[in-house]
Amino acid sequence: MEDFKIQNFEKENPGKNFPCFTSIDAENSKHFVKNISESIFKINLSDGRALAQRIHNQSVIVGGLNANSDNFIFTDTFSRLSIIPKPTIFINWFHFDSIDAFSTKELTEYFTDIWYPQSDDIDIFDDTFSWIISIEHNGAIRAVIGRS
């Protein structure tokens, strides 16, 4: 998580702490690359850049939702895709070398404080490794659901 987002949140919400999160180190991030590539794509990738590209190439646009919309509610994305997320959710900020874990409740409640339009392209997933929701910098929402 970038420090300026925490600072902006605390400036805009005096007396309130930024949502609790845990940063995943680069070594443990490799675990996510392996599990996502095997669970969703049925292949074994070890390179985060290659996985990010595959996610982009194989994901589909979720029509009717845009994260830039004034009335966007993140939980609508889960509903639209019939996803029931686990209590902890992960955000990939780049090629799976910068990942933060949030509670699903706090991510959905504080999404607009966590994701910044025009600068952030993120992938969101849980430890079932069966789905990924990508939010692009322009607000477009893409998803890939694992094959059973």
C-alpha atoms as a PDB file:
ATOM      1  CA  MET A   1       0.000   0.000   0.000  1.00  0.00           C
ATOM      2  CA  GLU A   2       1.332   3.378  -0.914  1.00  0.00           C
ATOM      3  CA  ASP A   3       1.883   5.711   2.032  1.00  0.00           C
ATOM      4  CA  PHE A   4       0.189   8.676   0.355  1.00  0.00           C
ATOM      5  CA  LYS A   5      -3.133   6.791   0.292  1.00  0.00           C
ATOM      6  CA  ILE A   6      -2.947   6.245   4.032  1.00  0.00           C
ATOM      7  CA  GLN A   7      -2.056   9.905   4.568  1.00  0.00           C
ATOM      8  CA  ASN A   8      -4.902  11.086   2.303  1.00  0.00           C
ATOM      9  CA  PHE A   9      -7.372   8.863   4.144  1.00  0.00           C
ATOM     10  CA  GLU A  10      -6.291  10.112   7.558  1.00  0.00           C
ATOM     11  CA  LYS A  11      -6.441  13.751   6.390  1.00  0.00           C
ATOM     12  CA  GLU A  12      -9.959  13.283   4.999  1.00  0.00           C
ATOM     13  CA  ASN A  13     -11.118  11.223   8.014  1.00  0.00           C
ATOM     14  CA  PRO A  14      -9.641  12.829  11.146  1.00  0.00           C
ATOM     15  CA  GLY A  15      -9.422  10.427  14.065  1.00  0.00           C
ATOM     16  CA  LYS A  16     -10.059   7.394  11.858  1.00  0.00           C
ATOM     17  CA  ASN A  17      -7.403   4.817  10.995  1.00  0.00           C
ATOM     18  CA  PHE A  18      -6.837   3.539   7.483  1.00  0.00           C
ATOM     19  CA  PRO A  19      -8.299   0.047   6.994  1.00  0.00           C
ATOM     20  CA  CYS A  20      -6.089  -2.687   8.408  1.00  0.00           C
ATOM     21  CA  PHE A  21      -4.025  -4.546   5.818  1.00  0.00           C
ATOM     22  CA  THR A  22      -1.031  -6.846   5.615  1.00  0.00           C
ATOM     23  CA  SER A  23       1.592  -6.543   2.898  1.00  0.00           C
ATOM     24  CA  ILE A  24       2.725  -9.833   1.405  1.00  0.00           C
ATOM     25  CA  ASP A  25       6.453 -10.021   0.768  1.00  0.00           C
ATOM     26  CA  ALA A  26       7.883 -10.892  -2.656  1.00  0.00           C
ATOM     27  CA  GLU A  27       8.835 -14.428  -1.628  1.00  0.00           C
ATOM     28  CA  ASN A  28       5.307 -15.268  -0.471  1.00  0.00           C
ATOM     29  CA  SER A  29       3.836 -13.552  -3.522  1.00  0.00           C
ATOM     30  CA  LYS A  30       5.329 -16.340  -5.649  1.00  0.00           C
ATOM     31  CA  HIS A  31       2.910 -18.692  -3.887  1.00  0.00           C
ATOM     32  CA  PHE A  32       0.006 -16.672  -5.307  1.00  0.00           C
ATOM     33  CA  VAL A  33       1.385 -16.818  -8.856  1.00  0.00           C
ATOM     34  CA  LYS A  34       1.706 -20.599  -8.675  1.00  0.00           C
ATOM     35  CA  ASN A  35      -1.713 -21.182  -7.108  1.00  0.00           C
ATOM     36  CA  ILE A  36      -3.606 -18.811  -9.393  1.00  0.00           C
ATOM     37  CA  SER A  37      -1.981 -20.118 -12.568  1.00  0.00           C
ATOM     38  CA  GLU A  38      -2.663 -23.736 -11.593  1.00  0.00           C
ATOM     39  CA  SER A  39      -6.175 -23.226 -10.209  1.00  0.00           C
ATOM     40  CA  ILE A  40      -7.600 -20.863 -12.793  1.00  0.00           C
ATOM     41  CA  PHE A  41      -5.578 -21.532 -15.932  1.00  0.00           C
ATOM     42  CA  LYS A  42      -4.485 -25.150 -15.304  1.00  0.00           C
ATOM     43  CA  ILE A  43      -0.869 -24.287 -16.118  1.00  0.00           C
ATOM     44  CA  ASN A  44       2.210 -23.666 -14.001  1.00  0.00           C
ATOM     45  CA  LEU A  45       3.567 -20.138 -14.262  1.00  0.00           C
ATOM     46  CA  SER A  46       6.285 -18.778 -12.028  1.00  0.00           C
ATOM     47  CA  ASP A  47       6.481 -15.287 -13.508  1.00  0.00           C
ATOM     48  CA  GLY A  48       4.105 -12.631 -12.177  1.00  0.00           C
ATOM     49  CA  ARG A  49       4.336 -10.564 -15.362  1.00  0.00           C
ATOM     50  CA  ALA A  50       3.263 -13.556 -17.472  1.00  0.00           C
ATOM     51  CA  LEU A  51       0.360 -14.251 -15.109  1.00  0.00           C
ATOM     52  CA  ALA A  52      -0.797 -10.622 -15.183  1.00  0.00           C
ATOM     53  CA  GLN A  53      -0.758 -10.732 -18.999  1.00  0.00           C
ATOM     54  CA  ARG A  54      -2.702 -14.007 -19.081  1.00  0.00           C
ATOM     55  CA  ILE A  55      -5.316 -12.592 -16.691  1.00  0.00           C
ATOM     56  CA  HIS A  56      -5.762  -9.547 -18.904  1.00  0.00           C
ATOM     57  CA  ASN A  57      -5.942 -11.615 -22.106  1.00  0.00           C
ATOM     58  CA  GLN A  58      -8.438 -14.157 -20.777  1.00  0.00           C
ATOM     59  CA  SER A  59     -10.656 -11.985 -18.613  1.00  0.00           C
ATOM     60  CA  VAL A  60     -13.970 -10.622 -19.816  1.00  0.00           C
ATOM     61  CA  ILE A  61     -15.519  -7.209 -19.251  1.00  0.00           C
ATOM     62  CA  VAL A  62     -18.260  -7.180 -16.627  1.00  0.00           C
ATOM     63  CA  GLY A  63     -20.908  -5.161 -18.417  1.00  0.00           C
ATOM     64  CA  GLY A  64     -22.955  -2.537 -16.650  1.00  0.00           C
ATOM     65  CA  LEU A  65     -20.430  -1.891 -13.878  1.00  0.00           C
ATOM     66  CA  ASN A  66     -17.705   0.726 -13.745  1.00  0.00           C
ATOM     67  CA  ALA A  67     -15.654   1.545 -10.650  1.00  0.00           C
ATOM     68  CA  ASN A  68     -15.593   5.227 -11.663  1.00  0.00           C
ATOM     69  CA  SER A  69     -19.370   5.456 -11.497  1.00  0.00           C
ATOM     70  CA  ASP A  70     -20.747   7.653  -8.716  1.00  0.00           C
ATOM     71  CA  ASN A  71     -23.126   4.885  -7.643  1.00  0.00           C
ATOM     72  CA  PHE A  72     -20.578   2.026  -7.821  1.00  0.00           C
ATOM     73  CA  ILE A  73     -20.882  -0.452  -4.960  1.00  0.00           C
ATOM     74  CA  PHE A  74     -18.134  -3.051  -4.972  1.00  0.00           C
ATOM     75  CA  THR A  75     -20.334  -5.820  -3.590  1.00  0.00           C
ATOM     76  CA  ASP A  76     -22.458  -5.564  -6.763  1.00  0.00           C
ATOM     77  CA  THR A  77     -19.475  -6.992  -8.638  1.00  0.00           C
ATOM     78  CA  PHE A  78     -19.462 -10.087  -6.441  1.00  0.00           C
ATOM     79  CA  SER A  79     -23.218 -10.473  -6.893  1.00  0.00           C
ATOM     80  CA  ARG A  80     -23.063 -10.045 -10.655  1.00  0.00           C
ATOM     81  CA  LEU A  81     -20.393 -12.766 -10.896  1.00  0.00           C
ATOM     82  CA  SER A  82     -21.985 -15.083  -8.293  1.00  0.00           C
ATOM     83  CA  ILE A  83     -18.842 -14.894  -6.168  1.00  0.00           C
ATOM     84  CA  ILE A  84     -18.977 -15.385  -2.421  1.00  0.00           C
ATOM     85  CA  PRO A  85     -15.563 -14.151  -1.277  1.00  0.00           C
ATOM     86  CA  LYS A  86     -13.733 -15.484   1.754  1.00  0.00           C
ATOM     87  CA  PRO A  87     -13.255 -13.114   4.730  1.00  0.00           C
ATOM     88  CA  THR A  88      -9.754 -12.139   3.552  1.00  0.00           C
ATOM     89  CA  ILE A  89      -9.157 -10.768   0.097  1.00  0.00           C
ATOM     90  CA  PHE A  90      -5.938  -9.905  -1.722  1.00  0.00           C
ATOM     91  CA  ILE A  91      -5.054  -6.997  -3.987  1.00  0.00           C
ATOM     92  CA  ASN A  92      -2.314  -7.376  -6.559  1.00  0.00           C
ATOM     93  CA  TRP A  93      -0.932  -3.925  -7.346  1.00  0.00           C
ATOM     94  CA  PHE A  94       1.455  -4.948 -10.083  1.00  0.00           C
ATOM     95  CA  HIS A  95       2.988  -8.101 -11.527  1.00  0.00           C
ATOM     96  CA  PHE A  96       2.276 -10.087  -8.363  1.00  0.00           C
ATOM     97  CA  ASP A  97       5.272  -8.549  -6.644  1.00  0.00           C
ATOM     98  CA  SER A  98       3.202  -6.163  -4.516  1.00  0.00           C
ATOM     99  CA  ILE A  99       0.173  -7.731  -2.813  1.00  0.00           C
ATOM    100  CA  ASP A 100      -1.838  -6.560   0.183  1.00  0.00           C
ATOM    101  CA  ALA A 101      -4.373  -8.536   2.203  1.00  0.00           C
ATOM    102  CA  PHE A 102      -7.528  -6.807   3.485  1.00  0.00           C
ATOM    103  CA  SER A 103     -10.676  -8.026   5.121  1.00  0.00           C
ATOM    104  CA  THR A 104     -13.349  -8.311   2.462  1.00  0.00           C
ATOM    105  CA  LYS A 105     -15.622  -6.134   4.588  1.00  0.00           C
ATOM    106  CA  GLU A 106     -13.087  -3.292   4.750  1.00  0.00           C
ATOM    107  CA  LEU A 107     -12.131  -3.546   1.082  1.00  0.00           C
ATOM    108  CA  THR A 108     -15.753  -3.219   0.024  1.00  0.00           C
ATOM    109  CA  GLU A 109     -16.457  -0.458   2.552  1.00  0.00           C
ATOM    110  CA  TYR A 110     -13.346   1.610   1.762  1.00  0.00           C
ATOM    111  CA  PHE A 111     -12.797   0.668  -1.872  1.00  0.00           C
ATOM    112  CA  THR A 112     -12.670   4.288  -3.077  1.00  0.00           C
ATOM    113  CA  ASP A 113      -9.963   5.048  -0.514  1.00  0.00           C
ATOM    114  CA  ILE A 114      -7.884   2.048  -1.606  1.00  0.00           C
ATOM    115  CA  TRP A 115      -8.233   2.100  -5.422  1.00  0.00           C
ATOM    116  CA  TYR A 116      -7.360   5.353  -7.164  1.00  0.00           C
ATOM    117  CA  PRO A 117      -8.810   5.902 -10.644  1.00  0.00           C
ATOM    118  CA  GLN A 118      -6.454   6.917 -13.417  1.00  0.00           C
ATOM    119  CA  SER A 119      -3.445   5.355 -11.676  1.00  0.00           C
ATOM    120  CA  ASP A 120      -4.341   1.911 -10.306  1.00  0.00           C
ATOM    121  CA  ASP A 121      -4.803  -1.306 -12.256  1.00  0.00           C
ATOM    122  CA  ILE A 122      -5.497  -3.973  -9.645  1.00  0.00           C
ATOM    123  CA  ASP A 123      -6.421  -7.641  -9.410  1.00  0.00           C
ATOM    124  CA  ILE A 124      -8.563  -8.832  -6.514  1.00  0.00           C
ATOM    125  CA  PHE A 125      -8.862 -12.479  -5.422  1.00  0.00           C
ATOM    126  CA  ASP A 126      -9.183 -14.682  -2.373  1.00  0.00           C
ATOM    127  CA  ASP A 127      -7.362 -17.821  -1.304  1.00  0.00           C
ATOM    128  CA  THR A 128      -9.737 -20.132  -3.173  1.00  0.00           C
ATOM    129  CA  PHE A 129      -7.768 -19.025  -6.258  1.00  0.00           C
ATOM    130  CA  SER A 130     -10.905 -19.685  -8.302  1.00  0.00           C
ATOM    131  CA  TRP A 131     -11.642 -16.155  -9.536  1.00  0.00           C
ATOM    132  CA  ILE A 132      -9.994 -12.811 -10.179  1.00  0.00           C
ATOM    133  CA  ILE A 133     -11.645  -9.426 -10.543  1.00  0.00           C
ATOM    134  CA  SER A 134      -9.516  -6.803 -12.276  1.00  0.00           C
ATOM    135  CA  ILE A 135     -10.258  -3.115 -11.900  1.00  0.00           C
ATOM    136  CA  GLU A 136      -8.553  -1.030 -14.558  1.00  0.00           C
ATOM    137  CA  HIS A 137      -7.417   2.562 -14.103  1.00  0.00           C
ATOM    138  CA  ASN A 138     -10.371   3.744 -16.210  1.00  0.00           C
ATOM    139  CA  GLY A 139     -12.876   1.944 -13.964  1.00  0.00           C
ATOM    140  CA  ALA A 140     -13.530  -0.966 -16.320  1.00  0.00           C
ATOM    141  CA  ILE A 141     -14.117  -4.214 -14.468  1.00  0.00           C
ATOM    142  CA  ARG A 142     -12.900  -7.490 -15.882  1.00  0.00           C
ATOM    143  CA  ALA A 143     -13.137 -11.001 -14.451  1.00  0.00           C
ATOM    144  CA  VAL A 144     -11.880 -14.478 -14.981  1.00  0.00           C
ATOM    145  CA  ILE A 145     -13.468 -17.445 -13.244  1.00  0.00           C
ATOM    146  CA  GLY A 146     -11.546 -20.713 -12.986  1.00  0.00           C
ATOM    147  CA  ARG A 147     -12.507 -23.728 -15.011  1.00  0.00           C
ATOM    148  CA  SER A 148     -13.545 -26.770 -13.051  1.00  0.00           C
END
